[in-house]
Protein backbone atom coordinates (compact mmCIF):
# COMPACT_ATOMS: atom_id res chain seq x y z
CA MET A 1 -131.70 146.95 -95.81
CA LEU A 2 -133.61 143.76 -95.08
CA PRO A 3 -135.52 143.29 -91.80
CA GLU A 4 -134.31 140.73 -89.35
CA ARG A 5 -135.93 137.31 -89.47
CA GLY A 6 -137.50 137.81 -86.02
CA ASP A 7 -139.75 140.64 -87.31
CA ARG A 8 -141.62 138.56 -89.88
CA GLY A 9 -145.39 138.66 -89.38
CA SER A 10 -145.27 141.39 -86.78
CA SER A 11 -147.53 143.68 -88.80
CA SER A 12 -150.17 140.93 -88.94
CA VAL A 13 -150.05 140.57 -85.17
CA GLU A 14 -150.26 144.34 -84.71
CA PHE A 15 -153.26 144.51 -87.05
CA THR A 16 -154.96 141.64 -85.20
CA ILE A 17 -154.53 143.47 -81.90
CA LEU A 18 -155.51 146.94 -83.14
CA PHE A 19 -158.43 146.04 -85.43
CA PRO A 20 -160.95 145.31 -82.62
CA ILE A 21 -159.99 148.57 -80.90
CA ILE A 22 -160.56 150.51 -84.11
CA VAL A 23 -163.96 148.85 -84.66
CA ILE A 24 -165.01 149.63 -81.09
CA LEU A 25 -164.05 153.27 -81.57
CA LEU A 26 -165.82 153.51 -84.94
CA PHE A 27 -169.11 152.10 -83.62
CA GLY A 28 -168.85 152.90 -79.92
CA GLY A 29 -168.28 156.65 -80.27
CA PRO A 30 -171.40 157.38 -82.32
CA GLN A 31 -173.44 154.93 -80.22
CA LEU A 32 -172.37 156.71 -77.05
CA ALA A 33 -173.31 160.06 -78.60
CA MET A 34 -176.75 158.74 -79.59
CA TRP A 35 -177.33 157.33 -76.10
CA TYR A 36 -176.28 160.62 -74.51
CA PHE A 37 -178.63 162.62 -76.77
CA ALA A 38 -181.52 160.24 -76.00
CA ARG A 39 -180.85 160.48 -72.25
CA GLU A 40 -180.72 164.28 -72.39
CA SER A 41 -183.96 164.33 -74.42
CA ALA A 42 -185.60 162.10 -71.81
CA GLN A 43 -184.34 164.38 -69.02
CA ALA A 44 -185.73 167.48 -70.75
CA ALA A 45 -189.04 165.70 -71.39
CA ALA A 46 -189.25 164.69 -67.72
CA THR A 47 -188.58 168.27 -66.63
CA SER A 48 -191.27 169.56 -68.97
CA ALA A 49 -193.71 166.89 -67.79
CA ALA A 50 -193.06 167.53 -64.10
CA ARG A 51 -193.55 171.25 -64.62
CA ALA A 52 -196.85 170.66 -66.46
CA ALA A 53 -198.11 168.20 -63.85
CA SER A 54 -197.16 170.25 -60.78
CA VAL A 55 -199.10 173.46 -61.44
CA VAL A 56 -202.27 174.14 -59.46
CA SER A 57 -204.63 173.70 -62.41
CA ALA A 58 -203.06 170.43 -63.66
CA THR A 59 -205.22 167.37 -64.19
CA PRO A 60 -203.96 163.78 -63.96
CA GLY A 61 -202.14 162.88 -67.15
CA ASP A 62 -201.00 166.40 -68.07
CA GLY A 63 -197.38 165.48 -67.35
CA LYS A 64 -197.51 162.31 -69.42
CA THR A 65 -199.04 164.22 -72.32
CA ALA A 66 -196.33 166.92 -72.11
CA ALA A 67 -193.52 164.32 -72.07
CA GLU A 68 -194.93 162.35 -74.99
CA SER A 69 -195.36 165.54 -77.01
CA TYR A 70 -191.77 166.60 -76.29
CA LEU A 71 -190.30 163.21 -77.17
CA ALA A 72 -192.31 163.00 -80.38
CA ARG A 73 -190.90 166.37 -81.51
CA VAL A 74 -187.28 166.02 -80.43
CA GLY A 75 -186.18 162.41 -80.27
CA SER A 76 -187.64 160.79 -83.37
CA ASP A 77 -184.25 160.19 -85.04
CA THR A 78 -182.46 158.71 -82.04
CA ILE A 79 -185.24 157.29 -79.84
CA THR A 80 -186.94 154.24 -81.31
CA GLY A 81 -189.52 153.89 -78.52
CA TYR A 82 -190.42 155.30 -75.14
CA ARG A 83 -192.64 154.68 -72.14
CA VAL A 84 -193.82 157.49 -69.84
CA THR A 85 -195.44 156.95 -66.45
CA GLU A 86 -196.83 159.63 -64.16
CA THR A 87 -197.47 159.03 -60.47
CA ASP A 88 -199.39 161.70 -58.56
CA THR A 89 -199.73 162.06 -54.80
CA ALA A 90 -201.29 164.89 -52.82
CA THR A 91 -197.97 166.76 -52.60
CA THR A 92 -195.70 165.41 -55.36
CA VAL A 93 -195.66 164.24 -58.95
CA THR A 94 -193.17 161.66 -60.21
CA ILE A 95 -192.38 161.22 -63.90
CA HIS A 96 -190.52 158.14 -65.11
CA ILE A 97 -189.35 157.92 -68.72
CA HIS A 98 -187.77 154.85 -70.30
CA VAL A 99 -186.36 155.34 -73.83
CA ASN A 100 -185.00 152.82 -76.33
CA VAL A 101 -182.04 154.15 -78.27
CA GLN A 102 -181.36 153.24 -81.89
CA SER A 103 -178.54 150.69 -82.03
CA MET A 104 -175.60 151.29 -84.36
CA VAL A 105 -173.71 148.20 -83.23
CA PRO A 106 -174.50 145.31 -85.60
CA LEU A 107 -174.61 142.66 -82.89
CA PRO A 108 -177.70 140.80 -81.69
CA GLY A 109 -178.76 141.48 -78.13
CA ILE A 110 -177.41 145.05 -78.03
CA ASP A 111 -180.39 147.18 -77.02
CA PRO A 112 -179.28 150.49 -75.49
CA THR A 113 -181.80 152.17 -73.17
CA ALA A 114 -181.94 155.11 -70.79
CA ASP A 115 -184.13 155.72 -67.74
CA VAL A 116 -184.94 159.07 -66.16
CA THR A 117 -187.04 159.62 -63.03
CA LEU A 118 -187.94 163.08 -61.75
CA THR A 119 -189.98 163.99 -58.68
CA ARG A 120 -191.32 167.49 -58.15
CA SER A 121 -193.51 169.09 -55.48
CA LYS A 122 -196.97 170.16 -56.53
CA GLU A 123 -198.06 173.75 -56.24
CA ARG A 124 -200.91 173.98 -53.75
CA PHE A 125 -202.60 176.42 -51.44
CA THR A 126 -202.17 175.69 -47.75
CA THR A 127 -203.40 177.09 -44.49
CA PRO A 128 -201.55 177.21 -41.19
CA ASP A 129 -203.42 174.06 -40.13
CA SER A 130 -202.59 171.99 -43.22
CA PRO A 131 -199.19 170.43 -44.03
């Protein structure tokens, strides 16, 4: 049985509509997974850094060192670069981590990143007269 004349070229139109969706799924799914892994790695590194920087015996820079060590061990396949900053006050420590995620999308200008900031109270000895 022959198709009607009105159906000619419909498969080309369907392919033209569906092809971009298929490409987005093929590249977007793995890219999303890589971004999620990099973000979770940055979160775990920030937690480790805040813990290291908040103990009583911590020196300035201990948190940054802990985060850089963690990211060097865990994220080398997914994270192409990172920047760690540590801000200490008398009562808190703040760790900010910015990671660059490897791009799987072959388009210029696509540069996936993730930012994590974590603030934690420092352990300290107090007296009834001190805050």
